[in-house]
Amino acid sequence: MSITANAIVLRSSVPCPPGSRVEGALGGTPPVTLRLKVHASKRQPDGDFLLEGRPLDLTRETRERLGALLVG
């Protein structure tokens, strides 16, 4: 998983077509809903999919929380 100001990449067990909007959850306290507009969905050798897209409605606090997860 990676995140920048305008892009997010994550793994999914299901494919999503370009242009679709998907929703997921970030656990912890408090739980946060993540929304993403998909630009690409690529199948990985293990059967999962790498979703690339643009985060929607991402607050600064959520972005910082995601960044801390990636570093830690």
Protein backbone atom coordinates (compact mmCIF):
# COMPACT_ATOMS: atom_id res chain seq x y z
CA MET A 1 0.00 0.00 0.00
CA SER A 2 1.18 3.52 -0.75
CA ILE A 3 -0.36 6.95 -0.53
CA THR A 4 0.44 10.43 -1.86
CA ALA A 5 -1.59 13.62 -2.01
CA ASN A 6 -3.33 12.51 -5.22
CA ALA A 7 -2.98 8.72 -5.36
CA ILE A 8 -3.46 5.61 -3.28
CA VAL A 9 -2.43 2.03 -4.07
CA LEU A 10 -3.83 -0.90 -2.11
CA ARG A 11 -4.44 -4.64 -2.35
CA SER A 12 -7.92 -6.09 -2.74
CA SER A 13 -9.35 -9.59 -2.98
CA VAL A 14 -11.77 -8.42 -5.72
CA PRO A 15 -11.16 -6.52 -8.98
CA CYS A 16 -12.70 -3.11 -9.60
CA PRO A 17 -13.11 -1.58 -13.06
CA PRO A 18 -11.55 1.80 -13.84
CA GLY A 19 -13.91 4.63 -12.94
CA SER A 20 -15.64 2.73 -10.17
CA ARG A 21 -15.81 4.10 -6.67
CA VAL A 22 -15.03 1.69 -3.87
CA GLU A 23 -15.31 1.99 -0.14
CA GLY A 24 -13.26 0.31 2.55
CA ALA A 25 -12.56 0.64 6.24
CA LEU A 26 -9.48 1.53 8.23
CA GLY A 27 -9.66 -0.18 11.60
CA GLY A 28 -8.60 1.35 14.86
CA THR A 29 -10.07 4.04 17.05
CA PRO A 30 -12.00 5.69 15.62
CA PRO A 31 -12.70 3.53 12.56
CA VAL A 32 -12.53 5.46 9.28
CA THR A 33 -14.21 4.89 5.92
CA LEU A 34 -11.89 5.17 2.91
CA ARG A 35 -13.29 6.00 -0.51
CA LEU A 36 -11.34 5.57 -3.74
CA LYS A 37 -12.00 6.28 -7.41
CA VAL A 38 -10.23 3.45 -9.24
CA HIS A 39 -7.87 4.21 -12.14
CA ALA A 40 -6.44 0.68 -12.56
CA SER A 41 -6.91 -2.84 -11.20
CA LYS A 42 -4.05 -5.28 -11.82
CA ARG A 43 -4.13 -8.98 -10.95
CA GLN A 44 -1.17 -10.13 -8.86
CA PRO A 45 0.49 -13.58 -8.99
CA ASP A 46 -1.08 -14.53 -5.63
CA GLY A 47 -4.61 -13.84 -6.96
CA ASP A 48 -5.14 -10.49 -5.22
CA PHE A 49 -5.59 -7.24 -7.14
CA LEU A 50 -3.55 -4.07 -6.90
CA LEU A 51 -5.95 -1.12 -7.04
CA GLU A 52 -4.62 2.29 -8.02
CA GLY A 53 -6.74 5.37 -7.75
CA ARG A 54 -7.53 8.74 -6.27
CA PRO A 55 -8.69 9.08 -2.67
CA LEU A 56 -12.04 10.81 -2.22
CA ASP A 57 -12.91 12.97 0.80
CA LEU A 58 -9.64 12.13 2.58
CA THR A 59 -9.12 14.32 5.64
CA ARG A 60 -5.71 15.42 6.83
CA GLU A 61 -6.11 13.30 9.98
CA THR A 62 -6.87 10.17 7.94
CA ARG A 63 -3.96 10.84 5.58
CA GLU A 64 -1.62 11.18 8.58
CA ARG A 65 -2.98 7.96 10.08
CA LEU A 66 -2.39 6.08 6.83
CA GLY A 67 1.10 7.52 6.58
CA ALA A 68 1.91 6.35 10.10
CA LEU A 69 0.77 2.82 9.22
CA LEU A 70 3.02 2.77 6.17
CA VAL A 71 6.07 3.95 8.13
CA GLY A 72 5.45 1.73 11.18
